[in-house]
C-alpha atoms as a PDB file:
ATOM      1  CA  MET A   1      -2.455  20.550 -83.506  1.00  0.00           C
ATOM      2  CA  ALA A   2      -0.304  21.356 -80.514  1.00  0.00           C
ATOM      3  CA  LEU A   3       2.283  23.125 -82.668  1.00  0.00           C
ATOM      4  CA  PRO A   4       0.792  26.665 -82.359  1.00  0.00           C
ATOM      5  CA  ALA A   5       0.627  26.403 -78.569  1.00  0.00           C
ATOM      6  CA  VAL A   6       4.138  24.972 -78.351  1.00  0.00           C
ATOM      7  CA  ALA A   7       5.461  27.684 -80.674  1.00  0.00           C
ATOM      8  CA  TRP A   8       3.747  30.400 -78.628  1.00  0.00           C
ATOM      9  CA  LEU A   9       5.197  29.112 -75.334  1.00  0.00           C
ATOM     10  CA  GLY A  10       8.602  28.646 -76.891  1.00  0.00           C
ATOM     11  CA  LEU A  11       8.699  32.141 -78.369  1.00  0.00           C
ATOM     12  CA  PHE A  12       7.312  34.103 -75.439  1.00  0.00           C
ATOM     13  CA  MET A  13       8.456  32.020 -72.452  1.00  0.00           C
ATOM     14  CA  VAL A  14      11.386  29.749 -73.268  1.00  0.00           C
ATOM     15  CA  VAL A  15      13.293  32.216 -75.454  1.00  0.00           C
ATOM     16  CA  PRO A  16      13.064  35.123 -72.935  1.00  0.00           C
ATOM     17  CA  CYS A  17      14.233  32.786 -70.157  1.00  0.00           C
ATOM     18  CA  LEU A  18      17.198  31.727 -72.288  1.00  0.00           C
ATOM     19  CA  ILE A  19      18.068  35.368 -72.939  1.00  0.00           C
ATOM     20  CA  ILE A  20      17.915  36.153 -69.215  1.00  0.00           C
ATOM     21  CA  PHE A  21      20.055  33.072 -68.526  1.00  0.00           C
ATOM     22  CA  ALA A  22      22.676  34.281 -71.016  1.00  0.00           C
ATOM     23  CA  TYR A  23      22.674  37.814 -69.562  1.00  0.00           C
ATOM     24  CA  ALA A  24      23.326  36.369 -66.090  1.00  0.00           C
ATOM     25  CA  PHE A  25      26.813  35.250 -67.205  1.00  0.00           C
ATOM     26  CA  LEU A  26      27.786  38.586 -68.758  1.00  0.00           C
ATOM     27  CA  THR A  27      29.365  41.684 -67.230  1.00  0.00           C
ATOM     28  CA  ARG A  28      27.838  45.065 -66.445  1.00  0.00           C
ATOM     29  CA  GLY A  29      29.164  47.861 -68.616  1.00  0.00           C
ATOM     30  CA  LEU A  30      30.934  50.870 -67.180  1.00  0.00           C
ATOM     31  CA  TYR A  31      27.862  53.029 -67.721  1.00  0.00           C
ATOM     32  CA  GLY A  32      25.312  50.270 -67.403  1.00  0.00           C
ATOM     33  CA  GLY A  33      24.010  47.773 -69.910  1.00  0.00           C
ATOM     34  CA  ILE A  34      26.106  44.715 -70.661  1.00  0.00           C
ATOM     35  CA  GLU A  35      29.555  43.751 -71.866  1.00  0.00           C
ATOM     36  CA  TYR A  36      30.043  40.398 -73.552  1.00  0.00           C
ATOM     37  CA  THR A  37      32.582  39.109 -71.048  1.00  0.00           C
ATOM     38  CA  LEU A  38      31.719  35.809 -69.394  1.00  0.00           C
ATOM     39  CA  THR A  39      31.730  35.729 -65.592  1.00  0.00           C
ATOM     40  CA  ALA A  40      30.104  33.883 -62.686  1.00  0.00           C
ATOM     41  CA  GLU A  41      30.407  36.867 -60.356  1.00  0.00           C
ATOM     42  CA  ASN A  42      26.719  37.727 -60.639  1.00  0.00           C
ATOM     43  CA  PHE A  43      25.663  34.436 -59.051  1.00  0.00           C
ATOM     44  CA  GLN A  44      28.300  34.885 -56.354  1.00  0.00           C
ATOM     45  CA  ARG A  45      26.741  38.241 -55.487  1.00  0.00           C
ATOM     46  CA  VAL A  46      23.345  36.574 -55.081  1.00  0.00           C
ATOM     47  CA  ILE A  47      24.554  34.720 -51.960  1.00  0.00           C
ATOM     48  CA  ASP A  48      25.901  37.919 -50.423  1.00  0.00           C
ATOM     49  CA  PRO A  49      24.340  38.361 -46.923  1.00  0.00           C
ATOM     50  CA  LEU A  50      22.611  41.565 -48.028  1.00  0.00           C
ATOM     51  CA  TYR A  51      20.757  39.906 -50.889  1.00  0.00           C
ATOM     52  CA  ALA A  52      20.327  36.611 -49.031  1.00  0.00           C
ATOM     53  CA  LYS A  53      18.434  38.552 -46.350  1.00  0.00           C
ATOM     54  CA  ILE A  54      16.084  39.929 -49.004  1.00  0.00           C
ATOM     55  CA  PHE A  55      15.494  36.394 -50.273  1.00  0.00           C
ATOM     56  CA  LEU A  56      14.675  35.199 -46.751  1.00  0.00           C
ATOM     57  CA  THR A  57      12.351  38.159 -46.201  1.00  0.00           C
ATOM     58  CA  SER A  58      10.570  37.348 -49.457  1.00  0.00           C
ATOM     59  CA  VAL A  59      10.205  33.691 -48.461  1.00  0.00           C
ATOM     60  CA  ARG A  60       8.838  34.663 -45.033  1.00  0.00           C
ATOM     61  CA  ILE A  61       6.287  37.142 -46.375  1.00  0.00           C
ATOM     62  CA  ALA A  62       5.197  34.776 -49.154  1.00  0.00           C
ATOM     63  CA  GLY A  63       4.958  31.906 -46.659  1.00  0.00           C
ATOM     64  CA  ILE A  64       2.759  33.886 -44.254  1.00  0.00           C
ATOM     65  CA  ALA A  65       0.535  35.021 -47.128  1.00  0.00           C
ATOM     66  CA  THR A  66       0.241  31.415 -48.321  1.00  0.00           C
ATOM     67  CA  LEU A  67      -0.734  30.117 -44.872  1.00  0.00           C
ATOM     68  CA  LEU A  68      -3.340  32.841 -44.339  1.00  0.00           C
ATOM     69  CA  ALA A  69      -4.785  32.338 -47.819  1.00  0.00           C
ATOM     70  CA  ILE A  70      -5.212  28.600 -47.222  1.00  0.00           C
ATOM     71  CA  LEU A  71      -6.831  29.181 -43.825  1.00  0.00           C
ATOM     72  CA  ILE A  72      -9.326  31.559 -45.440  1.00  0.00           C
ATOM     73  CA  ALA A  73      -9.827  29.729 -48.727  1.00  0.00           C
ATOM     74  CA  TYR A  74     -10.500  26.242 -47.363  1.00  0.00           C
ATOM     75  CA  PRO A  75     -13.592  27.197 -45.302  1.00  0.00           C
ATOM     76  CA  ALA A  76     -14.837  29.299 -48.215  1.00  0.00           C
ATOM     77  CA  ALA A  77     -14.400  26.466 -50.729  1.00  0.00           C
ATOM     78  CA  TYR A  78     -15.909  23.986 -48.271  1.00  0.00           C
ATOM     79  CA  ALA A  79     -18.964  26.216 -47.774  1.00  0.00           C
ATOM     80  CA  ILE A  80     -19.411  26.512 -51.547  1.00  0.00           C
ATOM     81  CA  CYS A  81     -19.305  22.716 -51.892  1.00  0.00           C
ATOM     82  CA  LEU A  82     -21.919  22.321 -49.171  1.00  0.00           C
ATOM     83  CA  ALA A  83     -24.244  24.792 -50.881  1.00  0.00           C
ATOM     84  CA  PRO A  84     -26.976  23.512 -53.250  1.00  0.00           C
ATOM     85  CA  LYS A  85     -25.696  22.624 -56.707  1.00  0.00           C
ATOM     86  CA  ARG A  86     -27.727  25.369 -58.374  1.00  0.00           C
ATOM     87  CA  THR A  87     -26.150  28.105 -56.216  1.00  0.00           C
ATOM     88  CA  GLN A  88     -22.531  26.942 -56.441  1.00  0.00           C
ATOM     89  CA  PRO A  89     -21.839  28.661 -59.802  1.00  0.00           C
ATOM     90  CA  LEU A  90     -23.142  31.937 -58.347  1.00  0.00           C
ATOM     91  CA  LEU A  91     -20.928  31.612 -55.266  1.00  0.00           C
ATOM     92  CA  LEU A  92     -17.913  30.842 -57.443  1.00  0.00           C
ATOM     93  CA  PHE A  93     -18.763  33.900 -59.515  1.00  0.00           C
ATOM     94  CA  PHE A  94     -18.626  36.070 -56.395  1.00  0.00           C
ATOM     95  CA  ALA A  95     -15.330  34.422 -55.398  1.00  0.00           C
ATOM     96  CA  VAL A  96     -13.642  35.431 -58.663  1.00  0.00           C
ATOM     97  CA  LEU A  97     -15.470  38.759 -59.025  1.00  0.00           C
ATOM     98  CA  PRO A  98     -12.418  40.781 -57.847  1.00  0.00           C
ATOM     99  CA  PHE A  99     -10.600  39.600 -60.974  1.00  0.00           C
ATOM    100  CA  TRP A 100     -12.965  41.763 -63.003  1.00  0.00           C
ATOM    101  CA  SER A 101     -10.986  44.808 -61.897  1.00  0.00           C
ATOM    102  CA  ASN A 102      -7.348  45.583 -62.564  1.00  0.00           C
ATOM    103  CA  TYR A 103      -4.679  44.370 -60.113  1.00  0.00           C
ATOM    104  CA  LEU A 104      -3.442  47.920 -59.563  1.00  0.00           C
ATOM    105  CA  ILE A 105      -6.943  49.203 -58.864  1.00  0.00           C
ATOM    106  CA  ARG A 106      -7.478  46.481 -56.262  1.00  0.00           C
ATOM    107  CA  THR A 107      -4.155  47.354 -54.623  1.00  0.00           C
ATOM    108  CA  TYR A 108      -4.872  51.095 -54.614  1.00  0.00           C
ATOM    109  CA  ALA A 109      -8.206  50.305 -52.959  1.00  0.00           C
ATOM    110  CA  TRP A 110      -6.280  48.940 -49.984  1.00  0.00           C
ATOM    111  CA  ILE A 111      -4.318  52.195 -49.814  1.00  0.00           C
ATOM    112  CA  VAL A 112      -7.649  54.006 -49.453  1.00  0.00           C
ATOM    113  CA  LEU A 113      -8.727  51.578 -46.741  1.00  0.00           C
ATOM    114  CA  LEU A 114      -5.497  51.489 -44.722  1.00  0.00           C
ATOM    115  CA  ASN A 115      -4.122  55.033 -44.795  1.00  0.00           C
ATOM    116  CA  ARG A 116      -4.265  57.263 -41.710  1.00  0.00           C
ATOM    117  CA  GLU A 117      -7.436  58.964 -42.953  1.00  0.00           C
ATOM    118  CA  GLY A 118      -8.838  55.809 -44.513  1.00  0.00           C
ATOM    119  CA  LEU A 119     -11.986  53.856 -43.874  1.00  0.00           C
ATOM    120  CA  LEU A 120     -10.607  51.640 -41.100  1.00  0.00           C
ATOM    121  CA  ASN A 121      -9.234  54.515 -39.025  1.00  0.00           C
ATOM    122  CA  ASN A 122     -12.468  56.458 -39.532  1.00  0.00           C
ATOM    123  CA  LEU A 123     -14.456  53.450 -38.324  1.00  0.00           C
ATOM    124  CA  LEU A 124     -12.308  53.301 -35.208  1.00  0.00           C
ATOM    125  CA  ARG A 125     -13.020  56.980 -34.536  1.00  0.00           C
ATOM    126  CA  TRP A 126     -16.724  56.356 -35.078  1.00  0.00           C
ATOM    127  CA  PHE A 127     -16.594  53.623 -32.417  1.00  0.00           C
ATOM    128  CA  GLY A 128     -14.975  56.035 -29.968  1.00  0.00           C
ATOM    129  CA  TYR A 129     -11.240  55.598 -30.523  1.00  0.00           C
ATOM    130  CA  GLU A 130      -9.518  58.938 -29.728  1.00  0.00           C
ATOM    131  CA  GLY A 131      -5.841  58.050 -30.023  1.00  0.00           C
ATOM    132  CA  GLU A 132      -3.438  58.572 -32.891  1.00  0.00           C
ATOM    133  CA  PRO A 133      -4.515  56.994 -36.214  1.00  0.00           C
ATOM    134  CA  LEU A 134      -3.130  53.502 -36.581  1.00  0.00           C
ATOM    135  CA  ALA A 135      -0.188  53.133 -38.971  1.00  0.00           C
ATOM    136  CA  LEU A 136      -1.749  50.332 -41.010  1.00  0.00           C
ATOM    137  CA  LEU A 137      -0.348  51.336 -44.379  1.00  0.00           C
ATOM    138  CA  TYR A 138       3.303  50.946 -45.416  1.00  0.00           C
ATOM    139  CA  SER A 139       3.826  47.943 -43.170  1.00  0.00           C
ATOM    140  CA  GLU A 140       4.555  44.262 -43.579  1.00  0.00           C
ATOM    141  CA  GLY A 141       0.995  43.505 -42.546  1.00  0.00           C
ATOM    142  CA  ALA A 142      -0.335  45.671 -45.365  1.00  0.00           C
ATOM    143  CA  VAL A 143       1.862  43.844 -47.893  1.00  0.00           C
ATOM    144  CA  ILE A 144       0.672  40.434 -46.667  1.00  0.00           C
ATOM    145  CA  THR A 145      -2.948  41.623 -46.708  1.00  0.00           C
ATOM    146  CA  GLY A 146      -2.605  42.795 -50.296  1.00  0.00           C
ATOM    147  CA  LEU A 147      -1.016  39.531 -51.422  1.00  0.00           C
ATOM    148  CA  VAL A 148      -3.677  37.413 -49.719  1.00  0.00           C
ATOM    149  CA  TYR A 149      -6.536  39.485 -51.108  1.00  0.00           C
ATOM    150  CA  ASN A 150      -5.259  39.556 -54.676  1.00  0.00           C
ATOM    151  CA  TYR A 151      -4.435  35.848 -54.929  1.00  0.00           C
ATOM    152  CA  LEU A 152      -7.114  34.341 -52.684  1.00  0.00           C
ATOM    153  CA  PRO A 153      -9.512  33.439 -55.548  1.00  0.00           C
ATOM    154  CA  PHE A 154      -6.859  31.171 -57.081  1.00  0.00           C
ATOM    155  CA  VAL A 155      -6.609  29.203 -53.843  1.00  0.00           C
ATOM    156  CA  ILE A 156     -10.390  28.981 -53.454  1.00  0.00           C
ATOM    157  CA  LEU A 157     -10.741  27.582 -56.968  1.00  0.00           C
ATOM    158  CA  ALA A 158      -7.943  25.042 -56.467  1.00  0.00           C
ATOM    159  CA  ILE A 159      -9.397  23.751 -53.200  1.00  0.00           C
ATOM    160  CA  TYR A 160     -12.954  23.798 -54.533  1.00  0.00           C
ATOM    161  CA  SER A 161     -11.857  21.708 -57.502  1.00  0.00           C
ATOM    162  CA  SER A 162     -10.393  19.118 -55.150  1.00  0.00           C
ATOM    163  CA  LEU A 163     -13.431  19.141 -52.853  1.00  0.00           C
ATOM    164  CA  SER A 164     -15.884  18.807 -55.740  1.00  0.00           C
ATOM    165  CA  ARG A 165     -14.140  15.607 -56.890  1.00  0.00           C
ATOM    166  CA  LEU A 166     -14.241  14.044 -53.422  1.00  0.00           C
ATOM    167  CA  ASN A 167     -16.141  10.760 -53.288  1.00  0.00           C
ATOM    168  CA  ASN A 168     -18.994  11.375 -50.860  1.00  0.00           C
ATOM    169  CA  GLU A 169     -19.319   7.638 -50.275  1.00  0.00           C
ATOM    170  CA  LEU A 170     -16.071   7.758 -48.305  1.00  0.00           C
ATOM    171  CA  VAL A 171     -17.455  10.499 -46.077  1.00  0.00           C
ATOM    172  CA  GLU A 172     -20.680   8.541 -45.568  1.00  0.00           C
ATOM    173  CA  ALA A 173     -18.726   5.376 -44.768  1.00  0.00           C
ATOM    174  CA  SER A 174     -16.759   7.245 -42.121  1.00  0.00           C
ATOM    175  CA  ARG A 175     -19.978   8.525 -40.556  1.00  0.00           C
ATOM    176  CA  ASP A 176     -21.530   5.039 -40.674  1.00  0.00           C
ATOM    177  CA  LEU A 177     -18.514   3.654 -38.821  1.00  0.00           C
ATOM    178  CA  GLY A 178     -19.144   6.056 -35.948  1.00  0.00           C
ATOM    179  CA  ALA A 179     -16.867   8.994 -36.739  1.00  0.00           C
ATOM    180  CA  GLY A 180     -18.274  12.452 -36.065  1.00  0.00           C
ATOM    181  CA  ARG A 181     -18.164  15.419 -38.410  1.00  0.00           C
ATOM    182  CA  VAL A 182     -14.899  16.763 -37.025  1.00  0.00           C
ATOM    183  CA  ARG A 183     -13.108  13.407 -37.069  1.00  0.00           C
ATOM    184  CA  THR A 184     -14.417  12.643 -40.544  1.00  0.00           C
ATOM    185  CA  PHE A 185     -13.134  15.973 -41.778  1.00  0.00           C
ATOM    186  CA  PHE A 186      -9.616  15.527 -40.391  1.00  0.00           C
ATOM    187  CA  ARG A 187      -9.320  11.810 -41.196  1.00  0.00           C
ATOM    188  CA  VAL A 188     -11.071  11.681 -44.579  1.00  0.00           C
ATOM    189  CA  THR A 189     -11.957  15.016 -46.191  1.00  0.00           C
ATOM    190  CA  LEU A 190      -8.795  16.989 -45.461  1.00  0.00           C
ATOM    191  CA  PRO A 191      -6.283  14.252 -46.422  1.00  0.00           C
ATOM    192  CA  LEU A 192      -8.110  13.500 -49.682  1.00  0.00           C
ATOM    193  CA  THR A 193      -8.206  17.184 -50.673  1.00  0.00           C
ATOM    194  CA  MET A 194      -4.576  17.939 -49.845  1.00  0.00           C
ATOM    195  CA  PRO A 195      -3.587  17.983 -53.557  1.00  0.00           C
ATOM    196  CA  GLY A 196      -5.890  20.980 -54.027  1.00  0.00           C
ATOM    197  CA  VAL A 197      -4.486  22.650 -50.916  1.00  0.00           C
ATOM    198  CA  ALA A 198      -0.924  22.041 -52.135  1.00  0.00           C
ATOM    199  CA  ALA A 199      -1.729  23.348 -55.631  1.00  0.00           C
ATOM    200  CA  GLY A 200      -3.305  26.523 -54.258  1.00  0.00           C
ATOM    201  CA  GLY A 201      -0.499  27.010 -51.745  1.00  0.00           C
ATOM    202  CA  VAL A 202       2.258  26.639 -54.322  1.00  0.00           C
ATOM    203  CA  PHE A 203       0.370  28.925 -56.678  1.00  0.00           C
ATOM    204  CA  ILE A 204       0.079  31.817 -54.219  1.00  0.00           C
ATOM    205  CA  PHE A 205       3.617  31.300 -52.892  1.00  0.00           C
ATOM    206  CA  VAL A 206       5.136  31.433 -56.368  1.00  0.00           C
ATOM    207  CA  LEU A 207       3.153  34.542 -57.283  1.00  0.00           C
ATOM    208  CA  SER A 208       3.860  36.266 -53.958  1.00  0.00           C
ATOM    209  CA  ILE A 209       7.608  35.674 -53.767  1.00  0.00           C
ATOM    210  CA  GLY A 210       8.152  37.352 -57.146  1.00  0.00           C
ATOM    211  CA  ASN A 211       5.637  40.162 -56.654  1.00  0.00           C
ATOM    212  CA  PHE A 212       6.996  43.711 -56.764  1.00  0.00           C
ATOM    213  CA  VAL A 213       3.863  45.844 -57.187  1.00  0.00           C
ATOM    214  CA  THR A 214       2.258  45.106 -53.805  1.00  0.00           C
ATOM    215  CA  PRO A 215       5.427  45.680 -51.716  1.00  0.00           C
ATOM    216  CA  ALA A 216       6.070  48.916 -53.599  1.00  0.00           C
ATOM    217  CA  LEU A 217       2.557  50.308 -53.125  1.00  0.00           C
ATOM    218  CA  LEU A 218       1.445  48.888 -49.766  1.00  0.00           C
ATOM    219  CA  GLY A 219       4.907  48.608 -48.243  1.00  0.00           C
ATOM    220  CA  GLY A 220       6.058  52.031 -49.350  1.00  0.00           C
ATOM    221  CA  GLY A 221       9.483  50.635 -50.232  1.00  0.00           C
ATOM    222  CA  ARG A 222      10.171  49.724 -46.585  1.00  0.00           C
ATOM    223  CA  PHE A 223       9.921  45.985 -47.202  1.00  0.00           C
ATOM    224  CA  GLN A 224      11.917  45.120 -50.269  1.00  0.00           C
ATOM    225  CA  MET A 225      11.264  41.723 -51.778  1.00  0.00           C
ATOM    226  CA  ILE A 226      13.187  39.877 -54.447  1.00  0.00           C
ATOM    227  CA  GLY A 227      10.817  41.109 -57.159  1.00  0.00           C
ATOM    228  CA  ASN A 228      11.564  44.722 -56.217  1.00  0.00           C
ATOM    229  CA  LEU A 229      15.289  43.973 -56.237  1.00  0.00           C
ATOM    230  CA  VAL A 230      15.133  42.533 -59.750  1.00  0.00           C
ATOM    231  CA  TYR A 231      13.057  45.510 -60.901  1.00  0.00           C
ATOM    232  CA  ASP A 232      15.566  47.981 -59.441  1.00  0.00           C
ATOM    233  CA  GLN A 233      18.554  46.254 -61.027  1.00  0.00           C
ATOM    234  CA  PHE A 234      17.047  46.494 -64.502  1.00  0.00           C
ATOM    235  CA  LEU A 235      15.425  49.935 -64.360  1.00  0.00           C
ATOM    236  CA  THR A 236      17.313  51.877 -61.666  1.00  0.00           C
ATOM    237  CA  ALA A 237      20.817  50.487 -61.198  1.00  0.00           C
ATOM    238  CA  ASN A 238      20.987  49.494 -64.891  1.00  0.00           C
ATOM    239  CA  ASP A 239      22.824  46.322 -63.857  1.00  0.00           C
ATOM    240  CA  TRP A 240      21.181  43.881 -66.242  1.00  0.00           C
ATOM    241  CA  PRO A 241      23.544  40.922 -65.639  1.00  0.00           C
ATOM    242  CA  PHE A 242      22.993  40.947 -61.867  1.00  0.00           C
ATOM    243  CA  GLY A 243      19.249  41.467 -62.335  1.00  0.00           C
ATOM    244  CA  ALA A 244      19.234  38.506 -64.719  1.00  0.00           C
ATOM    245  CA  ALA A 245      21.073  36.350 -62.173  1.00  0.00           C
ATOM    246  CA  LEU A 246      18.530  37.246 -59.482  1.00  0.00           C
ATOM    247  CA  GLY A 247      15.721  36.528 -61.917  1.00  0.00           C
ATOM    248  CA  MET A 248      17.156  33.128 -62.809  1.00  0.00           C
ATOM    249  CA  VAL A 249      17.455  32.132 -59.145  1.00  0.00           C
ATOM    250  CA  LEU A 250      13.826  33.154 -58.661  1.00  0.00           C
ATOM    251  CA  ILE A 251      12.747  31.182 -61.743  1.00  0.00           C
ATOM    252  CA  VAL A 252      14.610  28.082 -60.513  1.00  0.00           C
ATOM    253  CA  ILE A 253      12.873  28.351 -57.123  1.00  0.00           C
ATOM    254  CA  MET A 254       9.468  28.660 -58.789  1.00  0.00           C
ATOM    255  CA  ILE A 255      10.046  25.762 -61.199  1.00  0.00           C
ATOM    256  CA  GLY A 256      11.348  23.604 -58.355  1.00  0.00           C
ATOM    257  CA  LEU A 257       8.256  24.242 -56.247  1.00  0.00           C
ATOM    258  CA  LEU A 258       5.924  23.547 -59.157  1.00  0.00           C
ATOM    259  CA  LEU A 259       7.723  20.297 -59.998  1.00  0.00           C
ATOM    260  CA  LEU A 260       7.604  19.174 -56.363  1.00  0.00           C
ATOM    261  CA  GLN A 261       3.893  19.951 -56.190  1.00  0.00           C
ATOM    262  CA  ALA A 262       3.194  18.088 -59.439  1.00  0.00           C
ATOM    263  CA  ARG A 263       5.241  15.073 -58.334  1.00  0.00           C
ATOM    264  CA  ALA A 264       3.580  14.989 -54.908  1.00  0.00           C
ATOM    265  CA  SER A 265       0.118  15.218 -56.480  1.00  0.00           C
ATOM    266  CA  ALA A 266       0.889  12.432 -58.950  1.00  0.00           C
ATOM    267  CA  ARG A 267       2.275  10.228 -56.175  1.00  0.00           C
ATOM    268  CA  TYR A 268      -0.693  10.956 -53.929  1.00  0.00           C
ATOM    269  CA  SER A 269      -3.148  10.189 -56.744  1.00  0.00           C
ATOM    270  CA  GLY A 270      -1.363   6.913 -57.449  1.00  0.00           C
ATOM    271  CA  GLU A 271      -1.459   5.895 -53.790  1.00  0.00           C
ATOM    272  CA  THR A 272      -5.142   6.800 -53.552  1.00  0.00           C
ATOM    273  CA  LEU A 273      -5.973   4.780 -56.670  1.00  0.00           C
ATOM    274  CA  GLU A 274      -3.957   1.805 -55.388  1.00  0.00           C
ATOM    275  CA  ALA A 275      -5.728   1.969 -52.039  1.00  0.00           C
ATOM    276  CA  ALA A 276      -9.109   2.121 -53.743  1.00  0.00           C
ATOM    277  CA  ASN A 277      -8.306  -0.870 -55.939  1.00  0.00           C
ATOM    278  CA  GLY A 278      -6.918  -2.769 -52.969  1.00  0.00           C
END
């Protein structure tokens, strides 16, 4: 019964990755495209300081977006879990409601909000601000804001899933032993829900580091990330082998993070089960 799903994943995920992997060891043609000459030069170019700086910039922006998303998503998921059971589905519906619109539409909405004549600058004028309009758009802050907004529902759902499975008897036991709400949260609730936090964090980091739409629209091309670099190599520079090498490095980073998250979650679950049985 799993054969159709396996065939689908193999045809539309594994095979394209293998093609990209093969292209990464070929040579760019004189006028673009590829020549079937094996070389490792493309991977050597990846570690060039120019491209390494873009990788580090991508990691930094994705890391900041991940941290902010977790700081926003955890209180939101916690509040949903504290709400009455009958209202939780409605609150989750509102959390994922942005997904009902297209990603590009949501990103263009931030352009309307952040531009020099946008809603935020007009609100500042309404409150009495008379200086030059703030340059909110086409900045690193705008890129991070767009990434956090677009991927925040994923983090909320991941953390909510972990919170909803939390054994309330452990929380009650902590309170019975004299711990207050704050101490109970940091000693019981937060540690036991870290798998959900890690899953949501890895999810948004992986999606953010390879994103090219948000930096292009909200960054105005001033903050190039690795996704933009891969896009440019394929569609502008017509250097498919180098673009494939960059793409493979990005895929390896993503797979590595996902494997680490899965291994950490499995280990944490095993330790929790062992502690409970002990």
